[in-house]
Amino acid sequence: QVVLVESGGGLVESGGSLRLSCAASGIIFSIYSMGWHRQAPGKERELVARINRGGGTRYADSVKGRFIISRDNAKNTVYLQMNSLKPEDTAVYYCEAGSSLLGGDYWGQGTQVTVSS
């Protein structure tokens, strides 16, 4: 059974920082591409950042220079360091694991991030 568990969300003031974590179990973590997505009220879910199994990263334009995605394969965990947070970053953040090789795509339950102005 594949389980992704996010943590680290919360309420922070504009300009502050948070670090999200996503612990994975039930998959060979090192071969999965890991992503962070978010969904704000009334909006579609969007990709925030992705890190592939080789460590390559890509980011949404809206978070470039502020967010950093990283992974620790020894801990089966992916992180999202969020700096200089803005009220428009308020959303539920979801962790996602995908493998084009194995054909799997798995999601966590989400963690709420709220940035006050």
Protein backbone atom coordinates (compact mmCIF):
# COMPACT_ATOMS: atom_id res chain seq x y z
CA GLN A 1 0.00 0.00 0.00
CA VAL A 2 1.36 3.36 -1.05
CA VAL A 3 1.03 6.14 1.50
CA LEU A 4 2.20 9.74 1.21
CA VAL A 5 1.93 11.85 4.36
CA GLU A 6 2.46 15.60 4.24
CA SER A 7 3.34 17.72 7.24
CA GLY A 8 4.59 21.20 8.05
CA GLY A 9 1.69 23.32 6.93
CA GLY A 10 0.22 26.07 9.07
CA LEU A 11 -0.41 29.77 9.44
CA VAL A 12 2.41 32.21 8.74
CA GLU A 13 2.67 35.94 8.17
CA SER A 14 3.50 37.37 4.79
CA GLY A 15 7.27 37.24 4.24
CA GLY A 16 7.67 34.24 6.49
CA SER A 17 8.85 30.71 5.78
CA LEU A 18 7.58 27.18 6.11
CA ARG A 19 9.04 23.81 5.26
CA LEU A 20 6.73 21.07 4.07
CA SER A 21 7.68 17.41 4.29
CA CYS A 22 6.20 14.40 2.57
CA ALA A 23 7.10 10.95 3.84
CA ALA A 24 6.45 8.10 1.43
CA SER A 25 6.00 4.40 2.08
CA GLY A 26 5.11 1.45 -0.10
CA ILE A 27 7.16 2.61 -3.10
CA ILE A 28 10.77 2.43 -4.21
CA PHE A 29 11.14 6.11 -3.44
CA SER A 30 14.42 6.67 -5.26
CA ILE A 31 13.00 5.88 -8.69
CA TYR A 32 9.96 8.14 -8.37
CA SER A 33 9.63 11.70 -9.54
CA MET A 34 8.19 13.73 -6.67
CA GLY A 35 6.05 16.82 -6.96
CA TRP A 36 4.35 19.42 -4.84
CA HIS A 37 1.05 20.78 -6.10
CA ARG A 38 -1.35 23.25 -4.57
CA GLN A 39 -4.99 24.14 -4.83
CA ALA A 40 -6.44 27.42 -3.65
CA PRO A 41 -10.19 27.88 -3.06
CA GLY A 42 -12.03 28.24 -6.35
CA LYS A 43 -8.93 27.48 -8.40
CA GLU A 44 -7.57 24.45 -10.20
CA ARG A 45 -4.76 22.40 -8.74
CA GLU A 46 -1.38 23.54 -10.06
CA LEU A 47 2.14 22.14 -10.05
CA VAL A 48 4.41 24.09 -7.73
CA ALA A 49 7.66 22.16 -8.00
CA ARG A 50 8.97 18.81 -9.15
CA ILE A 51 12.17 16.89 -8.54
CA ASN A 52 13.05 13.90 -10.67
CA ARG A 53 14.89 10.80 -9.57
CA GLY A 54 18.17 12.31 -10.73
CA GLY A 55 17.65 15.44 -8.64
CA GLY A 56 16.66 17.73 -11.50
CA THR A 57 14.11 20.33 -10.50
CA ARG A 58 11.57 22.63 -12.05
CA TYR A 59 9.31 25.25 -10.59
CA ALA A 60 6.21 27.23 -11.38
CA ASP A 61 7.12 30.76 -12.39
CA SER A 62 5.18 32.12 -9.42
CA VAL A 63 7.52 30.45 -6.90
CA LYS A 64 10.90 30.57 -8.64
CA GLY A 65 13.53 32.08 -6.38
CA ARG A 66 11.36 31.61 -3.29
CA PHE A 67 10.69 27.87 -3.02
CA ILE A 68 13.18 25.01 -3.03
CA ILE A 69 12.28 21.37 -3.53
CA SER A 70 14.65 18.66 -2.29
CA ARG A 71 14.61 14.98 -1.54
CA ASP A 72 16.29 12.59 0.86
CA ASN A 73 16.14 9.11 -0.61
CA ALA A 74 17.51 7.57 2.58
CA LYS A 75 14.48 8.92 4.45
CA ASN A 76 11.94 8.43 1.64
CA THR A 77 11.05 12.08 2.07
CA VAL A 78 10.62 15.09 -0.18
CA TYR A 79 10.69 18.64 1.13
CA LEU A 80 9.45 22.02 0.01
CA GLN A 81 11.19 24.98 1.59
CA MET A 82 8.96 28.01 1.13
CA ASN A 83 10.46 31.44 1.73
CA SER A 84 9.14 34.97 1.29
CA LEU A 85 5.62 33.67 1.46
CA LYS A 86 2.80 35.74 0.04
CA PRO A 87 -0.94 35.67 0.72
CA GLU A 88 -1.42 34.26 -2.78
CA ASP A 89 0.54 31.17 -1.71
CA THR A 90 -2.38 30.23 0.53
CA ALA A 91 -3.63 26.81 -0.57
CA VAL A 92 -3.78 23.16 0.27
CA TYR A 93 -0.43 21.65 -0.72
CA TYR A 94 -0.33 18.09 -2.02
CA CYS A 95 2.58 15.72 -2.44
CA GLU A 96 2.63 13.51 -5.52
CA ALA A 97 4.78 10.56 -6.57
CA GLY A 98 4.92 9.49 -10.18
CA SER A 99 6.82 7.01 -12.27
CA SER A 100 6.57 6.80 -16.05
CA LEU A 101 8.59 3.61 -15.80
CA LEU A 102 6.16 1.86 -13.45
CA GLY A 103 3.04 3.77 -14.42
CA GLY A 104 2.09 4.72 -10.89
CA ASP A 105 0.81 8.08 -9.66
CA TYR A 106 0.08 8.62 -5.99
CA TRP A 107 -1.14 11.57 -3.91
CA GLY A 108 -1.08 12.59 -0.29
CA GLN A 109 -4.04 13.98 1.63
CA GLY A 110 -2.78 17.55 1.58
CA THR A 111 -1.65 20.09 4.15
CA GLN A 112 -3.07 23.58 4.54
CA VAL A 113 -0.80 26.60 4.17
CA THR A 114 -2.26 29.97 5.07
CA VAL A 115 -0.33 33.20 4.63
CA SER A 116 -1.76 36.25 6.36
CA SER A 117 -1.19 39.74 4.99
